[in-house]
Amino acid sequence: MTSQHKGAGAIQSEDCLKLLERAAASPQLRRAARSREFLFYVAGKSLKDSSTDIHEQEIGCAVFGRDENYDTSQDNIVRVSATELRKRIDGYFATDGASEPLIFEIPRGSYSPVFRWRSETIPPVAKPEAAEVPELPQPKASLPLRRQLPLMLVSAVAIVLAIGCSFLWQEDQSLINQSASMRKELHTWQGSPALTTFWGKFFDSPQETDIVLADTSYNLIEDISQQTYSLSEYLDRRYIDLSKPPAGLTRTVFEEIGSRRSSSFGDFRVAQKIKDLDRGSSKMQIDFARDYTTDSVKTNNVILIGGRRSNPWIDLFKDQLNFVLGYDQVLSKRYVKNLHPRPGEEAIYLRPLDQLNSIGYSVVAYLPNADHTANVLLIEGSDSQATNAAGDFVTSETSMANFLKLLNAKQFPYFEVLLKTTRLSGTPMSADVLAYRTY
């Protein structure tokens, strides 16, 4: 691909590839594995054939493992990721890449990167010298008029200044109101006291915040094989032993299940609710569990969505938990185990079978990471609806304000809370606090 630019020459594909590598190695993209994969895919397609349009569904299949016929109106992972990628690209060229002569961008409404030379500085246009205007003879004023002239001039200047000040004040107020409105729209959590107290520890943090979605394909393999695998087995993919596919599955089907990157719609909804709290954040990204890395979990704030059976990263924090989601293979039921019950609490909270009510359990845990250098938030549910209800709880000003009042505190300490989620037929899901712990 080449492009002409006055004074800079043609843009060569080799220069574009080297620029992409520098950008991918920058702090803005180094730890964002999904954003890098997105960037290299669309850039590779564009450099190979710049006349070919890159479509959302194509990216969803190639980069995010979606089915060829998946519904983009229901699954907006590509659009969300594209917005995040654009912010990271802008951040690179504003900081580490500020001296790059060649830059690129992904214009809104398109997924094809555009490479161009930085705009040359346009020299200021010299203003033409004003022509000398000959002084015209003025009619002689009468003595009374000359005496009144200074007073009239002062009055006129005062009126002009008053009008100007009024205009500037109104303009300034308009800008202040627009700025406040924009901040409120981009940073909705800042307008709510309880959400500000809690989410400020993530959004105001110097570290990046990673939202890690559960891996439903991994959960399916555990269900089929009736085994539970460790985090290390998950990371090196030992749980997909193609030489020994589970009974009833061919090797091809087993491999197809294991290769899919998929998460539940409820998990996506929780991630989107959190993202909506701070639409202006450039330090928050969404990752799939299988793409996440141990380096990121050590340095960044982390939000893990989904239970242990679909998000094995929770293993890193199991020793800090009192409320543990489990699964009974015999009864095919999910439950919550209360490791240290207090008076009035149950040791096991088992989800009942009820045709009229949809009852489930959720666990929300706010913890420090291993080195106490960043914060961790676990959002788990006995099913997708319960996980979604837990997401509603932590993003609701009313729910978090009531919980803070229950804690009898001004700031949120590290905590665990067990929620009972209920939905009567025809009513929205609600979440009630059953028990909690603070640390």
Protein backbone atom coordinates (compact mmCIF):
# COMPACT_ATOMS: atom_id res chain seq x y z
CA MET A 1 0.00 0.00 0.00
CA THR A 2 1.36 3.40 -0.88
CA SER A 3 0.13 6.91 -0.40
CA GLN A 4 1.55 10.21 -1.55
CA HIS A 5 2.08 13.15 0.74
CA LYS A 6 3.61 16.42 -0.27
CA GLY A 7 7.20 16.64 0.90
CA ALA A 8 7.14 13.23 2.61
CA GLY A 9 7.05 10.73 -0.25
CA ALA A 10 5.15 7.48 -0.56
CA ILE A 11 4.05 5.41 2.42
CA GLN A 12 5.50 1.91 2.16
CA SER A 13 3.95 -1.21 3.70
CA GLU A 14 7.24 -1.95 5.50
CA ASP A 15 7.06 1.42 7.27
CA CYS A 16 3.48 0.69 8.31
CA LEU A 17 4.40 -2.72 9.73
CA LYS A 18 7.30 -1.30 11.73
CA LEU A 19 5.00 1.43 13.11
CA LEU A 20 2.42 -1.18 14.10
CA GLU A 21 5.09 -3.15 15.96
CA ARG A 22 6.24 -0.06 17.86
CA ALA A 23 2.67 0.82 18.80
CA ALA A 24 1.91 -2.76 19.89
CA ALA A 25 5.00 -2.75 22.14
CA SER A 26 4.02 0.55 23.80
CA PRO A 27 2.52 0.80 27.32
CA GLN A 28 -0.83 1.67 25.74
CA LEU A 29 -1.10 -1.71 23.94
CA ARG A 30 1.55 -4.00 25.45
CA ARG A 31 -0.77 -5.63 27.98
CA ALA A 32 -3.94 -5.34 25.87
CA ALA A 33 -3.72 -8.69 24.08
CA ARG A 34 -7.17 -8.48 22.56
CA SER A 35 -6.65 -4.92 21.30
CA ARG A 36 -3.34 -5.93 19.69
CA GLU A 37 -4.92 -8.90 17.96
CA PHE A 38 -7.75 -6.66 16.73
CA LEU A 39 -5.24 -4.10 15.41
CA PHE A 40 -2.98 -6.58 13.62
CA TYR A 41 -5.96 -8.30 11.99
CA VAL A 42 -7.57 -5.17 10.52
CA ALA A 43 -4.18 -3.64 9.64
CA GLY A 44 -3.09 -6.81 7.87
CA LYS A 45 -6.29 -6.90 5.84
CA SER A 46 -6.01 -3.21 4.98
CA LEU A 47 -2.35 -3.37 3.96
CA LYS A 48 -3.01 -6.42 1.80
CA ASP A 49 -5.93 -4.83 -0.04
CA SER A 50 -6.90 -1.29 0.92
CA SER A 51 -9.98 -1.42 -1.32
CA THR A 52 -11.59 -4.21 0.70
CA ASP A 53 -14.07 -3.21 3.41
CA ILE A 54 -13.64 -4.94 6.78
CA HIS A 55 -16.99 -5.84 8.34
CA GLU A 56 -17.95 -6.18 11.99
CA GLN A 57 -19.12 -9.80 11.66
CA GLU A 58 -15.85 -10.77 9.98
CA ILE A 59 -13.86 -9.34 12.92
CA GLY A 60 -16.18 -11.02 15.42
CA CYS A 61 -15.47 -14.41 13.84
CA ALA A 62 -11.73 -13.99 13.23
CA VAL A 63 -10.70 -12.15 16.40
CA PHE A 64 -13.36 -13.00 18.99
CA GLY A 65 -14.25 -16.54 17.94
CA ARG A 66 -17.87 -15.80 17.18
CA ASP A 67 -20.02 -18.01 14.95
CA GLU A 68 -20.21 -16.98 11.29
CA ASN A 69 -23.90 -16.08 11.62
CA TYR A 70 -23.85 -14.49 15.06
CA ASP A 71 -26.20 -11.54 15.66
CA THR A 72 -24.16 -8.31 15.82
CA SER A 73 -27.19 -6.40 17.12
CA GLN A 74 -27.18 -8.56 20.25
CA ASP A 75 -23.42 -8.98 20.63
CA ASN A 76 -21.52 -5.66 20.41
CA ILE A 77 -18.08 -6.93 21.42
CA VAL A 78 -16.49 -5.68 18.18
CA ARG A 79 -17.87 -2.15 18.53
CA VAL A 80 -16.90 -1.93 22.20
CA SER A 81 -13.40 -3.21 21.46
CA ALA A 82 -13.00 -0.86 18.48
CA THR A 83 -13.80 2.14 20.69
CA GLU A 84 -11.23 0.97 23.25
CA LEU A 85 -8.62 0.40 20.51
CA ARG A 86 -9.13 3.91 19.09
CA LYS A 87 -8.50 5.37 22.56
CA ARG A 88 -5.28 3.38 22.92
CA ILE A 89 -4.07 4.43 19.47
CA ASP A 90 -4.76 8.09 20.29
CA GLY A 91 -2.96 7.63 23.60
CA TYR A 92 0.12 6.22 21.88
CA PHE A 93 0.48 9.05 19.37
CA ALA A 94 -0.09 11.61 22.13
CA THR A 95 2.66 10.17 24.37
CA ASP A 96 5.24 7.54 23.37
CA GLY A 97 4.56 8.02 19.67
CA ALA A 98 4.41 11.79 19.72
CA SER A 99 7.52 12.03 17.51
CA GLU A 100 6.36 9.45 14.94
CA PRO A 101 6.35 11.09 11.47
CA LEU A 102 3.97 8.40 10.20
CA ILE A 103 0.70 7.87 12.08
CA PHE A 104 -2.46 5.81 11.65
CA GLU A 105 -6.03 5.89 12.90
CA ILE A 106 -9.21 3.83 12.61
CA PRO A 107 -11.88 6.33 11.54
CA ARG A 108 -15.28 6.02 13.20
CA GLY A 109 -17.72 4.18 10.98
CA SER A 110 -14.93 2.00 9.59
CA TYR A 111 -12.62 -0.76 10.77
CA SER A 112 -9.87 -0.14 8.20
CA PRO A 113 -6.76 1.67 9.53
CA VAL A 114 -5.67 4.76 7.60
CA PHE A 115 -1.96 5.58 7.50
CA ARG A 116 -0.77 9.11 6.81
CA TRP A 117 2.09 11.47 7.47
CA ARG A 118 1.62 13.91 10.30
CA SER A 119 0.08 17.16 9.10
CA GLU A 120 2.75 19.72 8.33
CA THR A 121 2.65 22.87 10.35
CA ILE A 122 1.01 25.58 8.32
CA PRO A 123 3.02 28.81 8.63
CA PRO A 124 0.98 31.75 9.82
CA VAL A 125 -0.24 33.98 7.04
CA ALA A 126 1.28 37.45 7.33
CA LYS A 127 -1.32 40.11 7.67
CA PRO A 128 -1.08 42.83 4.99
CA GLU A 129 0.01 46.15 6.31
CA ALA A 130 -2.87 48.52 6.71
CA ALA A 131 -2.92 51.29 4.14
CA GLU A 132 -2.34 54.74 5.55
CA VAL A 133 -5.61 56.62 5.62
CA PRO A 134 -5.23 60.33 5.17
CA GLU A 135 -6.66 62.34 7.98
CA LEU A 136 -9.76 64.12 6.84
CA PRO A 137 -10.46 67.59 8.04
CA GLN A 138 -13.07 67.58 10.78
CA PRO A 139 -15.71 70.24 11.06
CA LYS A 140 -15.16 72.55 13.94
CA ALA A 141 -17.36 71.65 16.82
CA SER A 142 -19.00 74.21 18.93
CA LEU A 143 -17.63 74.69 22.42
CA PRO A 144 -20.53 73.00 24.23
CA LEU A 145 -20.17 69.86 22.06
CA ARG A 146 -16.41 69.60 22.74
CA ARG A 147 -17.09 69.75 26.43
CA GLN A 148 -19.70 66.96 26.16
CA LEU A 149 -17.53 64.69 23.94
CA PRO A 150 -15.35 63.13 26.69
CA LEU A 151 -18.40 62.28 28.76
CA MET A 152 -20.17 60.76 25.74
CA LEU A 153 -17.07 58.73 24.86
CA VAL A 154 -16.71 57.37 28.40
CA SER A 155 -20.39 56.44 28.48
CA ALA A 156 -20.15 54.68 25.13
CA VAL A 157 -17.06 52.69 26.22
CA ALA A 158 -18.78 51.73 29.48
CA ILE A 159 -21.82 50.46 27.59
CA VAL A 160 -19.67 48.44 25.17
CA LEU A 161 -17.66 46.93 28.06
CA ALA A 162 -20.84 46.06 29.95
CA ILE A 163 -22.30 44.31 26.90
CA GLY A 164 -19.01 42.50 26.28
CA CYS A 165 -18.68 41.35 29.88
CA SER A 166 -22.27 40.12 29.87
CA PHE A 167 -21.69 38.19 26.67
CA LEU A 168 -18.44 36.66 27.94
CA TRP A 169 -20.06 35.70 31.25
CA GLN A 170 -22.93 33.98 29.47
CA GLU A 171 -20.51 32.25 27.12
CA ASP A 172 -18.36 31.13 30.05
CA GLN A 173 -21.39 29.80 31.93
CA SER A 174 -22.50 27.95 28.81
CA LEU A 175 -19.08 26.32 28.47
CA ILE A 176 -19.04 25.41 32.17
CA ASN A 177 -22.50 23.85 31.89
CA GLN A 178 -21.55 21.98 28.73
CA SER A 179 -18.34 20.72 30.36
CA ALA A 180 -20.20 19.59 33.47
CA SER A 181 -22.85 17.90 31.34
CA MET A 182 -20.18 16.15 29.30
CA ARG A 183 -18.34 14.99 32.43
CA LYS A 184 -21.59 13.69 33.89
CA GLU A 185 -22.36 11.83 30.68
CA LEU A 186 -18.88 10.30 30.41
CA HIS A 187 -18.27 9.66 34.12
CA THR A 188 -21.74 8.76 35.44
CA TRP A 189 -20.33 7.21 38.63
CA GLN A 190 -19.08 10.63 39.80
CA GLY A 191 -22.61 11.93 40.22
CA SER A 192 -23.56 9.25 42.76
CA PRO A 193 -22.00 9.33 46.26
CA ALA A 194 -21.91 5.58 46.95
CA LEU A 195 -20.71 4.69 43.46
CA THR A 196 -18.06 7.41 43.69
CA THR A 197 -16.84 5.97 46.99
CA PHE A 198 -16.58 2.45 45.56
CA TRP A 199 -15.74 2.81 41.88
CA GLY A 200 -13.30 5.65 42.43
CA LYS A 201 -10.88 2.98 43.66
CA PHE A 202 -10.89 1.56 40.14
CA PHE A 203 -11.51 4.53 37.84
CA ASP A 204 -9.25 6.97 39.72
CA SER A 205 -6.50 4.38 40.12
CA PRO A 206 -3.19 4.89 38.28
CA GLN A 207 -3.36 1.24 37.16
CA GLU A 208 -5.39 -0.06 34.24
CA THR A 209 -8.56 -2.02 35.01
CA ASP A 210 -9.15 -5.35 33.23
CA ILE A 211 -12.64 -6.83 32.93
CA VAL A 212 -12.17 -10.58 32.41
CA LEU A 213 -15.12 -12.48 30.92
CA ALA A 214 -15.83 -16.12 31.76
CA ASP A 215 -15.06 -18.95 29.32
CA THR A 216 -18.28 -20.89 28.71
CA SER A 217 -16.48 -23.35 26.39
CA TYR A 218 -14.24 -24.35 29.31
CA ASN A 219 -17.33 -24.75 31.49
CA LEU A 220 -18.92 -26.99 28.87
CA ILE A 221 -15.84 -29.23 28.71
CA GLU A 222 -15.86 -29.56 32.52
CA ASP A 223 -19.54 -30.55 32.40
CA ILE A 224 -19.01 -33.09 29.62
CA SER A 225 -15.91 -34.65 31.17
CA GLN A 226 -17.27 -34.29 34.72
CA GLN A 227 -13.89 -33.03 35.89
CA THR A 228 -12.53 -29.85 37.41
CA TYR A 229 -9.24 -28.55 36.08
CA SER A 230 -6.71 -26.28 37.79
CA LEU A 231 -5.76 -22.81 36.58
CA SER A 232 -2.38 -24.11 35.35
CA GLU A 233 -4.11 -26.85 33.34
CA TYR A 234 -6.38 -24.19 31.89
CA LEU A 235 -3.56 -21.83 30.92
CA ASP A 236 -1.48 -24.47 29.14
CA ARG A 237 -4.68 -26.03 27.69
CA ARG A 238 -4.02 -29.46 29.16
CA TYR A 239 -7.77 -29.77 29.77
CA ILE A 240 -8.18 -30.26 26.00
CA ASP A 241 -6.55 -33.65 25.56
CA LEU A 242 -7.42 -34.49 21.96
CA SER A 243 -6.02 -37.99 22.37
CA LYS A 244 -8.75 -38.72 24.94
CA PRO A 245 -12.00 -36.95 23.95
CA PRO A 246 -14.87 -37.38 26.45
CA ALA A 247 -17.24 -40.27 25.88
CA GLY A 248 -19.80 -39.54 23.19
CA LEU A 249 -17.70 -36.84 21.48
CA THR A 250 -15.54 -37.19 18.41
CA ARG A 251 -12.09 -35.63 18.38
CA THR A 252 -13.25 -33.06 15.82
CA VAL A 253 -16.23 -31.92 17.92
CA PHE A 254 -14.12 -31.83 21.08
CA GLU A 255 -11.49 -29.70 19.34
CA GLU A 256 -14.18 -27.37 17.98
CA ILE A 257 -15.64 -26.82 21.47
CA GLY A 258 -12.22 -26.19 22.99
CA SER A 259 -11.18 -23.68 20.33
CA ARG A 260 -14.18 -21.39 20.73
CA ARG A 261 -13.90 -18.09 22.58
CA SER A 262 -17.34 -17.63 24.08
CA SER A 263 -18.99 -16.09 27.09
CA SER A 264 -22.58 -15.75 28.25
CA PHE A 265 -24.77 -12.83 27.29
CA GLY A 266 -25.23 -12.08 31.01
CA ASP A 267 -21.46 -11.67 31.45
CA PHE A 268 -21.34 -9.25 28.52
CA ARG A 269 -24.18 -7.25 30.03
CA VAL A 270 -22.34 -6.94 33.36
CA ALA A 271 -19.17 -5.80 31.57
CA GLN A 272 -21.14 -3.23 29.59
CA LYS A 273 -22.80 -1.86 32.75
CA ILE A 274 -19.38 -1.33 34.30
CA LYS A 275 -18.04 0.29 31.14
CA ASP A 276 -21.08 2.58 31.05
CA LEU A 277 -20.14 3.96 34.48
CA ASP A 278 -17.08 5.59 32.91
CA ARG A 279 -17.42 5.93 29.14
CA GLY A 280 -14.53 8.37 29.08
CA SER A 281 -12.01 5.94 30.59
CA SER A 282 -9.05 4.92 28.43
CA LYS A 283 -7.65 2.64 31.14
CA MET A 284 -10.33 -0.04 31.07
CA GLN A 285 -10.44 -3.00 28.72
CA ILE A 286 -12.34 -6.26 28.29
CA ASP A 287 -10.49 -9.60 27.97
CA PHE A 288 -11.54 -13.22 27.67
CA ALA A 289 -10.37 -15.53 30.45
CA ARG A 290 -8.28 -17.66 28.08
CA ASP A 291 -6.48 -14.59 26.70
CA TYR A 292 -5.65 -13.08 30.08
CA THR A 293 -2.09 -13.21 31.46
CA THR A 294 -0.49 -13.61 34.87
CA ASP A 295 1.51 -10.41 34.32
CA SER A 296 -1.68 -8.37 34.04
CA VAL A 297 -3.32 -9.91 37.09
CA LYS A 298 -0.26 -8.95 39.17
CA THR A 299 -0.14 -5.29 38.11
CA ASN A 300 -3.65 -4.18 37.09
CA ASN A 301 -6.97 -3.80 38.81
CA VAL A 302 -9.00 -6.88 37.86
CA ILE A 303 -12.75 -7.53 37.60
CA LEU A 304 -13.51 -11.25 37.19
CA ILE A 305 -17.01 -12.07 35.92
CA GLY A 306 -18.51 -15.55 36.23
CA GLY A 307 -18.15 -18.46 38.64
CA ARG A 308 -15.12 -20.68 39.16
CA ARG A 309 -16.37 -23.33 36.71
CA SER A 310 -16.21 -20.83 33.85
CA ASN A 311 -13.52 -18.41 35.10
CA PRO A 312 -10.63 -20.35 36.69
CA TRP A 313 -8.73 -17.10 37.46
CA ILE A 314 -10.84 -17.03 40.63
CA ASP A 315 -8.52 -19.78 41.94
CA LEU A 316 -5.92 -17.08 42.68
CA PHE A 317 -8.21 -15.60 45.35
CA LYS A 318 -10.02 -18.68 46.73
CA ASP A 319 -8.02 -18.60 49.97
CA GLN A 320 -9.46 -15.15 50.72
CA LEU A 321 -13.10 -16.19 50.23
CA ASN A 322 -15.71 -17.32 52.74
CA PHE A 323 -18.60 -17.71 50.29
CA VAL A 324 -17.66 -20.26 47.63
CA LEU A 325 -19.78 -21.20 44.62
CA GLY A 326 -19.84 -24.94 43.97
CA TYR A 327 -21.52 -27.50 41.76
CA ASP A 328 -23.15 -30.79 42.78
CA GLN A 329 -22.54 -33.30 39.98
CA VAL A 330 -25.14 -35.75 41.33
CA LEU A 331 -27.95 -33.22 41.73
CA SER A 332 -26.75 -31.06 38.79
CA LYS A 333 -27.24 -28.01 41.00
CA ARG A 334 -25.10 -25.02 41.86
CA TYR A 335 -24.80 -23.93 45.46
CA VAL A 336 -22.94 -21.51 47.73
CA LYS A 337 -20.90 -22.91 50.61
CA ASN A 338 -20.55 -20.73 53.71
CA LEU A 339 -17.18 -21.85 55.11
CA HIS A 340 -17.63 -20.19 58.51
CA PRO A 341 -21.36 -19.74 59.23
CA ARG A 342 -22.40 -17.18 61.80
CA PRO A 343 -25.57 -17.41 63.94
CA GLY A 344 -28.61 -17.25 61.68
CA GLU A 345 -26.64 -18.20 58.56
CA GLU A 346 -26.77 -21.48 56.66
CA ALA A 347 -23.75 -23.60 55.81
CA ILE A 348 -25.07 -24.40 52.32
CA TYR A 349 -27.32 -22.27 50.13
CA LEU A 350 -28.73 -24.62 47.51
CA ARG A 351 -30.68 -23.26 44.58
CA PRO A 352 -34.22 -24.76 44.74
CA LEU A 353 -36.31 -25.96 41.81
CA ASP A 354 -39.28 -23.62 41.57
CA GLN A 355 -41.40 -23.15 38.47
CA LEU A 356 -42.94 -19.86 39.66
CA ASN A 357 -39.90 -18.16 41.10
CA SER A 358 -36.44 -17.91 39.62
CA ILE A 359 -34.17 -18.06 42.67
CA GLY A 360 -30.41 -17.96 42.57
CA TYR A 361 -27.38 -16.85 44.55
CA SER A 362 -24.59 -14.40 43.80
CA VAL A 363 -21.29 -13.59 45.44
CA VAL A 364 -19.58 -10.21 45.11
CA ALA A 365 -16.09 -9.93 46.60
CA TYR A 366 -13.94 -6.80 46.75
CA LEU A 367 -10.36 -7.80 47.63
CA PRO A 368 -6.73 -6.69 47.29
CA ASN A 369 -4.41 -8.48 44.90
CA ALA A 370 -1.60 -10.64 46.25
CA ASP A 371 0.84 -7.72 46.61
CA HIS A 372 -1.77 -5.22 47.85
CA THR A 373 -0.87 -2.97 44.91
CA ALA A 374 -4.24 -3.10 43.11
CA ASN A 375 -7.87 -4.04 43.66
CA VAL A 376 -9.85 -7.12 42.63
CA LEU A 377 -13.62 -7.45 42.16
CA LEU A 378 -15.27 -10.89 41.77
CA ILE A 379 -18.82 -11.04 40.39
CA GLU A 380 -20.18 -14.60 40.47
CA GLY A 381 -23.62 -16.10 40.12
CA SER A 382 -25.26 -19.53 40.29
CA ASP A 383 -26.48 -18.86 36.74
CA SER A 384 -26.31 -16.14 34.10
CA GLN A 385 -29.28 -14.27 35.55
CA ALA A 386 -27.78 -14.31 39.05
CA THR A 387 -24.48 -12.97 37.69
CA ASN A 388 -26.40 -10.22 35.90
CA ALA A 389 -28.22 -9.36 39.14
CA ALA A 390 -24.88 -9.08 40.94
CA GLY A 391 -23.72 -6.70 38.21
CA ASP A 392 -26.85 -4.62 38.79
CA PHE A 393 -26.06 -4.55 42.51
CA VAL A 394 -22.53 -3.12 42.21
CA THR A 395 -23.54 -0.55 39.56
CA SER A 396 -26.66 0.69 41.35
CA GLU A 397 -26.38 3.79 43.52
CA THR A 398 -29.36 2.67 45.63
CA SER A 399 -28.02 -0.85 46.25
CA MET A 400 -24.49 0.30 47.06
CA ALA A 401 -25.73 3.15 49.28
CA ASN A 402 -27.91 0.72 51.26
CA PHE A 403 -25.02 -1.72 51.56
CA LEU A 404 -22.67 1.02 52.78
CA LYS A 405 -25.30 1.95 55.37
CA LEU A 406 -25.53 -1.72 56.41
CA LEU A 407 -21.74 -1.75 56.86
CA ASN A 408 -22.06 1.38 59.04
CA ALA A 409 -19.07 2.89 57.27
CA LYS A 410 -18.19 6.00 55.27
CA GLN A 411 -15.80 4.16 52.94
CA PHE A 412 -16.06 0.66 51.50
CA PRO A 413 -13.65 -1.76 53.21
CA TYR A 414 -12.65 -4.98 51.47
CA PHE A 415 -15.73 -7.19 51.64
CA GLU A 416 -17.67 -10.25 50.50
CA VAL A 417 -21.43 -10.22 50.17
CA LEU A 418 -23.81 -13.11 49.50
CA LEU A 419 -26.93 -12.13 47.56
CA LYS A 420 -30.18 -14.00 47.03
CA THR A 421 -31.55 -13.19 43.59
CA THR A 422 -35.24 -13.58 42.88
CA ARG A 423 -37.45 -12.97 39.92
CA LEU A 424 -41.18 -13.54 40.16
CA SER A 425 -42.99 -14.25 36.93
CA GLY A 426 -43.25 -11.00 34.98
CA THR A 427 -41.08 -8.93 37.36
CA PRO A 428 -37.44 -7.80 37.12
CA MET A 429 -34.67 -9.56 39.03
CA SER A 430 -33.98 -8.32 42.57
CA ALA A 431 -31.02 -9.00 44.87
CA ASP A 432 -31.17 -9.11 48.68
CA VAL A 433 -28.20 -9.30 51.06
CA LEU A 434 -28.15 -12.62 52.96
CA ALA A 435 -24.73 -12.35 54.60
CA TYR A 436 -21.49 -10.44 54.32
CA ARG A 437 -17.93 -10.25 55.62
CA THR A 438 -15.57 -7.29 55.85
CA TYR A 439 -11.77 -7.36 55.96
